[in-house]
């Protein structure tokens, strides 16, 4: 059995199809479904805190 390569997306295709869904990311043209717990959640919380500090400053 021959396995075909997944279709790679362009940035424009990604934004059009998935731009309003924050559970997906585009890495090297490949659509990746992100888990919203664990490391992703910790990183997004840290970034949010840092942005809020800068906004308040």
PDB file of N, CA and C in Angstrom:
ATOM      1  N   UNK A   1       0.843  -1.191   0.000  1.00  0.00           N
ATOM      2  CA  UNK A   1       0.000   0.000   0.000  1.00  0.00           C
ATOM      3  C   UNK A   1       0.886   1.252   0.000  1.00  0.00           C
ATOM      4  N   UNK A   2       0.580   2.162  -0.885  1.00  0.00           N
ATOM      5  CA  UNK A   2       1.333   3.402  -1.000  1.00  0.00           C
ATOM      6  C   UNK A   2       0.582   4.496  -0.250  1.00  0.00           C
ATOM      7  N   UNK A   3       1.293   5.181   0.614  1.00  0.00           N
ATOM      8  CA  UNK A   3       0.687   6.260   1.387  1.00  0.00           C
ATOM      9  C   UNK A   3       1.005   7.584   0.718  1.00  0.00           C
ATOM     10  N   UNK A   4      -0.017   8.368   0.423  1.00  0.00           N
ATOM     11  CA  UNK A   4       0.213   9.651  -0.227  1.00  0.00           C
ATOM     12  C   UNK A   4       0.533  10.717   0.821  1.00  0.00           C
ATOM     13  N   UNK A   5       1.298  11.706   0.399  1.00  0.00           N
ATOM     14  CA  UNK A   5       1.668  12.801   1.292  1.00  0.00           C
ATOM     15  C   UNK A   5       0.448  13.673   1.557  1.00  0.00           C
ATOM     16  N   UNK A   6       0.331  14.220   2.771  1.00  0.00           N
ATOM     17  CA  UNK A   6      -0.802  15.098   3.061  1.00  0.00           C
ATOM     18  C   UNK A   6      -0.723  16.374   2.234  1.00  0.00           C
ATOM     19  N   UNK A   7      -1.877  16.940   1.914  1.00  0.00           N
ATOM     20  CA  UNK A   7      -1.910  18.192   1.159  1.00  0.00           C
ATOM     21  C   UNK A   7      -1.421  19.316   2.062  1.00  0.00           C
ATOM     22  N   UNK A   8      -0.450  20.057   1.575  1.00  0.00           N
ATOM     23  CA  UNK A   8       0.069  21.179   2.339  1.00  0.00           C
ATOM     24  C   UNK A   8      -0.774  22.414   2.054  1.00  0.00           C
ATOM     25  N   UNK A   9      -0.987  23.209   3.083  1.00  0.00           N
ATOM     26  CA  UNK A   9      -1.790  24.423   2.962  1.00  0.00           C
ATOM     27  C   UNK A   9      -0.895  25.646   2.845  1.00  0.00           C
ATOM     28  N   UNK A  10      -1.376  26.634   2.129  1.00  0.00           N
ATOM     29  CA  UNK A  10      -0.703  27.933   2.120  1.00  0.00           C
ATOM     30  C   UNK A  10      -1.239  28.735   3.304  1.00  0.00           C
ATOM     31  N   UNK A  11      -0.576  29.822   3.625  1.00  0.00           N
ATOM     32  CA  UNK A  11      -1.027  30.682   4.711  1.00  0.00           C
ATOM     33  C   UNK A  11      -2.421  31.222   4.400  1.00  0.00           C
ATOM     34  N   UNK A  12      -2.651  31.632   3.155  1.00  0.00           N
ATOM     35  CA  UNK A  12      -3.967  32.163   2.784  1.00  0.00           C
ATOM     36  C   UNK A  12      -5.060  31.114   2.936  1.00  0.00           C
ATOM     37  N   UNK A  13      -4.794  29.869   2.530  1.00  0.00           N
ATOM     38  CA  UNK A  13      -5.781  28.798   2.690  1.00  0.00           C
ATOM     39  C   UNK A  13      -6.065  28.532   4.169  1.00  0.00           C
ATOM     40  N   UNK A  14      -5.008  28.571   4.979  1.00  0.00           N
ATOM     41  CA  UNK A  14      -5.167  28.349   6.415  1.00  0.00           C
ATOM     42  C   UNK A  14      -6.027  29.443   7.044  1.00  0.00           C
ATOM     43  N   UNK A  15      -5.729  30.692   6.725  1.00  0.00           N
ATOM     44  CA  UNK A  15      -6.487  31.811   7.302  1.00  0.00           C
ATOM     45  C   UNK A  15      -7.939  31.753   6.855  1.00  0.00           C
ATOM     46  N   UNK A  16      -8.172  31.443   5.586  1.00  0.00           N
ATOM     47  CA  UNK A  16      -9.535  31.353   5.073  1.00  0.00           C
ATOM     48  C   UNK A  16     -10.314  30.223   5.733  1.00  0.00           C
ATOM     49  N   UNK A  17      -9.715  29.070   5.883  1.00  0.00           N
ATOM     50  CA  UNK A  17     -10.423  27.913   6.401  1.00  0.00           C
ATOM     51  C   UNK A  17     -10.400  27.754   7.906  1.00  0.00           C
ATOM     52  N   UNK A  18      -9.341  28.250   8.552  1.00  0.00           N
ATOM     53  CA  UNK A  18      -9.168  27.983   9.982  1.00  0.00           C
ATOM     54  C   UNK A  18      -8.811  29.222  10.792  1.00  0.00           C
ATOM     55  N   UNK A  19      -8.841  30.387  10.193  1.00  0.00           N
ATOM     56  CA  UNK A  19      -8.404  31.609  10.867  1.00  0.00           C
ATOM     57  C   UNK A  19      -9.180  31.965  12.114  1.00  0.00           C
ATOM     58  N   UNK A  20     -10.440  31.540  12.187  1.00  0.00           N
ATOM     59  CA  UNK A  20     -11.249  31.871  13.364  1.00  0.00           C
ATOM     60  C   UNK A  20     -11.269  30.746  14.399  1.00  0.00           C
ATOM     61  N   UNK A  21     -10.502  29.703  14.178  1.00  0.00           N
ATOM     62  CA  UNK A  21     -10.447  28.564  15.117  1.00  0.00           C
ATOM     63  C   UNK A  21      -9.069  28.532  15.762  1.00  0.00           C
ATOM     64  N   UNK A  22      -9.018  28.773  17.061  1.00  0.00           N
ATOM     65  CA  UNK A  22      -7.719  28.849  17.726  1.00  0.00           C
ATOM     66  C   UNK A  22      -7.152  27.496  18.137  1.00  0.00           C
ATOM     67  N   UNK A  23      -7.816  26.398  17.781  1.00  0.00           N
ATOM     68  CA  UNK A  23      -7.290  25.083  18.142  1.00  0.00           C
ATOM     69  C   UNK A  23      -6.431  24.481  17.029  1.00  0.00           C
ATOM     70  N   UNK A  24      -6.176  25.232  15.958  1.00  0.00           N
ATOM     71  CA  UNK A  24      -5.341  24.736  14.865  1.00  0.00           C
ATOM     72  C   UNK A  24      -4.160  25.667  14.645  1.00  0.00           C
ATOM     73  N   UNK A  25      -3.048  25.084  14.217  1.00  0.00           N
ATOM     74  CA  UNK A  25      -1.908  25.906  13.810  1.00  0.00           C
ATOM     75  C   UNK A  25      -1.334  25.317  12.525  1.00  0.00           C
ATOM     76  N   UNK A  26      -0.603  26.141  11.812  1.00  0.00           N
ATOM     77  CA  UNK A  26      -0.003  25.741  10.541  1.00  0.00           C
ATOM     78  C   UNK A  26       1.505  25.666  10.737  1.00  0.00           C
ATOM     79  N   UNK A  27       2.060  24.469  10.542  1.00  0.00           N
ATOM     80  CA  UNK A  27       3.504  24.276  10.690  1.00  0.00           C
ATOM     81  C   UNK A  27       4.036  23.665   9.402  1.00  0.00           C
ATOM     82  N   UNK A  28       4.900  24.407   8.721  1.00  0.00           N
ATOM     83  CA  UNK A  28       5.482  23.956   7.455  1.00  0.00           C
ATOM     84  C   UNK A  28       4.416  23.481   6.469  1.00  0.00           C
ATOM     85  N   UNK A  29       3.292  24.188   6.431  1.00  0.00           N
ATOM     86  CA  UNK A  29       2.231  23.867   5.493  1.00  0.00           C
ATOM     87  C   UNK A  29       1.278  22.782   5.959  1.00  0.00           C
ATOM     88  N   UNK A  30       1.559  22.174   7.092  1.00  0.00           N
ATOM     89  CA  UNK A  30       0.727  21.075   7.592  1.00  0.00           C
ATOM     90  C   UNK A  30      -0.194  21.574   8.704  1.00  0.00           C
ATOM     91  N   UNK A  31      -1.458  21.211   8.603  1.00  0.00           N
ATOM     92  CA  UNK A  31      -2.454  21.598   9.595  1.00  0.00           C
ATOM     93  C   UNK A  31      -2.291  20.719  10.827  1.00  0.00           C
ATOM     94  N   UNK A  32      -2.104  21.342  11.991  1.00  0.00           N
ATOM     95  CA  UNK A  32      -1.906  20.621  13.245  1.00  0.00           C
ATOM     96  C   UNK A  32      -3.002  21.032  14.221  1.00  0.00           C
ATOM     97  N   UNK A  33      -3.701  20.040  14.780  1.00  0.00           N
ATOM     98  CA  UNK A  33      -4.704  20.321  15.812  1.00  0.00           C
ATOM     99  C   UNK A  33      -3.980  20.374  17.152  1.00  0.00           C
ATOM    100  N   UNK A  34      -4.119  21.493  17.842  1.00  0.00           N
ATOM    101  CA  UNK A  34      -3.437  21.687  19.113  1.00  0.00           C
ATOM    102  C   UNK A  34      -4.302  21.204  20.266  1.00  0.00           C
ATOM    103  N   UNK A  35      -3.651  20.699  21.278  1.00  0.00           N
ATOM    104  CA  UNK A  35      -4.334  20.400  22.531  1.00  0.00           C
ATOM    105  C   UNK A  35      -4.355  21.694  23.339  1.00  0.00           C
ATOM    106  N   UNK A  36      -5.456  21.992  23.975  1.00  0.00           N
ATOM    107  CA  UNK A  36      -5.582  23.257  24.709  1.00  0.00           C
ATOM    108  C   UNK A  36      -5.190  23.131  26.167  1.00  0.00           C
ATOM    109  N   UNK A  37      -4.623  22.001  26.555  1.00  0.00           N
ATOM    110  CA  UNK A  37      -4.199  21.828  27.933  1.00  0.00           C
ATOM    111  C   UNK A  37      -2.699  21.616  27.988  1.00  0.00           C
ATOM    112  N   UNK A  38      -2.174  21.620  29.175  1.00  0.00           N
ATOM    113  CA  UNK A  38      -0.756  21.350  29.361  1.00  0.00           C
ATOM    114  C   UNK A  38       0.134  22.477  28.897  1.00  0.00           C
ATOM    115  N   UNK A  39       1.214  22.152  28.190  1.00  0.00           N
ATOM    116  CA  UNK A  39       2.198  23.162  27.812  1.00  0.00           C
ATOM    117  C   UNK A  39       1.626  24.326  26.999  1.00  0.00           C
ATOM    118  N   UNK A  40       0.715  24.065  26.074  1.00  0.00           N
ATOM    119  CA  UNK A  40       0.143  25.166  25.284  1.00  0.00           C
ATOM    120  C   UNK A  40      -0.580  26.149  26.195  1.00  0.00           C
ATOM    121  N   UNK A  41      -1.320  25.630  27.145  1.00  0.00           N
ATOM    122  CA  UNK A  41      -2.068  26.483  28.064  1.00  0.00           C
ATOM    123  C   UNK A  41      -1.122  27.304  28.934  1.00  0.00           C
ATOM    124  N   UNK A  42      -0.047  26.695  29.393  1.00  0.00           N
ATOM    125  CA  UNK A  42       0.925  27.402  30.228  1.00  0.00           C
ATOM    126  C   UNK A  42       1.629  28.506  29.447  1.00  0.00           C
ATOM    127  N   UNK A  43       2.007  28.210  28.229  1.00  0.00           N
ATOM    128  CA  UNK A  43       2.691  29.211  27.400  1.00  0.00           C
ATOM    129  C   UNK A  43       1.752  30.371  27.079  1.00  0.00           C
ATOM    130  N   UNK A  44       0.505  30.065  26.706  1.00  0.00           N
ATOM    131  CA  UNK A  44      -0.426  31.150  26.381  1.00  0.00           C
ATOM    132  C   UNK A  44      -0.730  32.002  27.608  1.00  0.00           C
ATOM    133  N   UNK A  45      -0.806  31.393  28.783  1.00  0.00           N
ATOM    134  CA  UNK A  45      -1.034  32.165  30.004  1.00  0.00           C
ATOM    135  C   UNK A  45       0.153  33.079  30.296  1.00  0.00           C
ATOM    136  N   UNK A  46       1.373  32.578  30.132  1.00  0.00           N
ATOM    137  CA  UNK A  46       2.560  33.391  30.351  1.00  0.00           C
ATOM    138  C   UNK A  46       2.605  34.567  29.385  1.00  0.00           C
ATOM    139  N   UNK A  47       2.346  34.310  28.117  1.00  0.00           N
ATOM    140  CA  UNK A  47       2.346  35.387  27.123  1.00  0.00           C
ATOM    141  C   UNK A  47       1.275  36.416  27.464  1.00  0.00           C
ATOM    142  N   UNK A  48       0.100  35.952  27.852  1.00  0.00           N
ATOM    143  CA  UNK A  48      -0.976  36.867  28.235  1.00  0.00           C
ATOM    144  C   UNK A  48      -0.586  37.751  29.405  1.00  0.00           C
ATOM    145  N   UNK A  49       0.055  37.169  30.415  1.00  0.00           N
ATOM    146  CA  UNK A  49       0.491  37.954  31.584  1.00  0.00           C
ATOM    147  C   UNK A  49       1.528  38.997  31.181  1.00  0.00           C
ATOM    148  N   UNK A  50       2.486  38.581  30.350  1.00  0.00           N
ATOM    149  CA  UNK A  50       3.535  39.518  29.914  1.00  0.00           C
ATOM    150  C   UNK A  50       2.943  40.670  29.097  1.00  0.00           C
ATOM    151  N   UNK A  51       1.991  40.348  28.232  1.00  0.00           N
ATOM    152  CA  UNK A  51       1.334  41.409  27.442  1.00  0.00           C
ATOM    153  C   UNK A  51       0.573  42.373  28.343  1.00  0.00           C
ATOM    154  N   UNK A  52      -0.126  41.843  29.333  1.00  0.00           N
ATOM    155  CA  UNK A  52      -0.879  42.710  30.249  1.00  0.00           C
ATOM    156  C   UNK A  52       0.048  43.630  31.035  1.00  0.00           C
ATOM    157  N   UNK A  53       1.202  43.134  31.454  1.00  0.00           N
ATOM    158  CA  UNK A  53       2.170  43.967  32.168  1.00  0.00           C
ATOM    159  C   UNK A  53       2.626  45.111  31.270  1.00  0.00           C
ATOM    160  N   UNK A  54       2.942  44.805  30.011  1.00  0.00           N
ATOM    161  CA  UNK A  54       3.403  45.843  29.091  1.00  0.00           C
ATOM    162  C   UNK A  54       2.297  46.840  28.773  1.00  0.00           C
ATOM    163  N   UNK A  55       1.072  46.357  28.627  1.00  0.00           N
ATOM    164  CA  UNK A  55      -0.050  47.257  28.352  1.00  0.00           C
ATOM    165  C   UNK A  55      -0.254  48.215  29.524  1.00  0.00           C
ATOM    166  N   UNK A  56      -0.186  47.683  30.750  1.00  0.00           N
ATOM    167  CA  UNK A  56      -0.364  48.522  31.944  1.00  0.00           C
ATOM    168  C   UNK A  56       0.769  49.522  32.097  1.00  0.00           C
ATOM    169  N   UNK A  57       1.961  49.129  31.686  1.00  0.00           N
ATOM    170  CA  UNK A  57       3.118  50.021  31.826  1.00  0.00           C
ATOM    171  C   UNK A  57       2.965  51.166  30.853  1.00  0.00           C
TER     172      UNK A  57
END
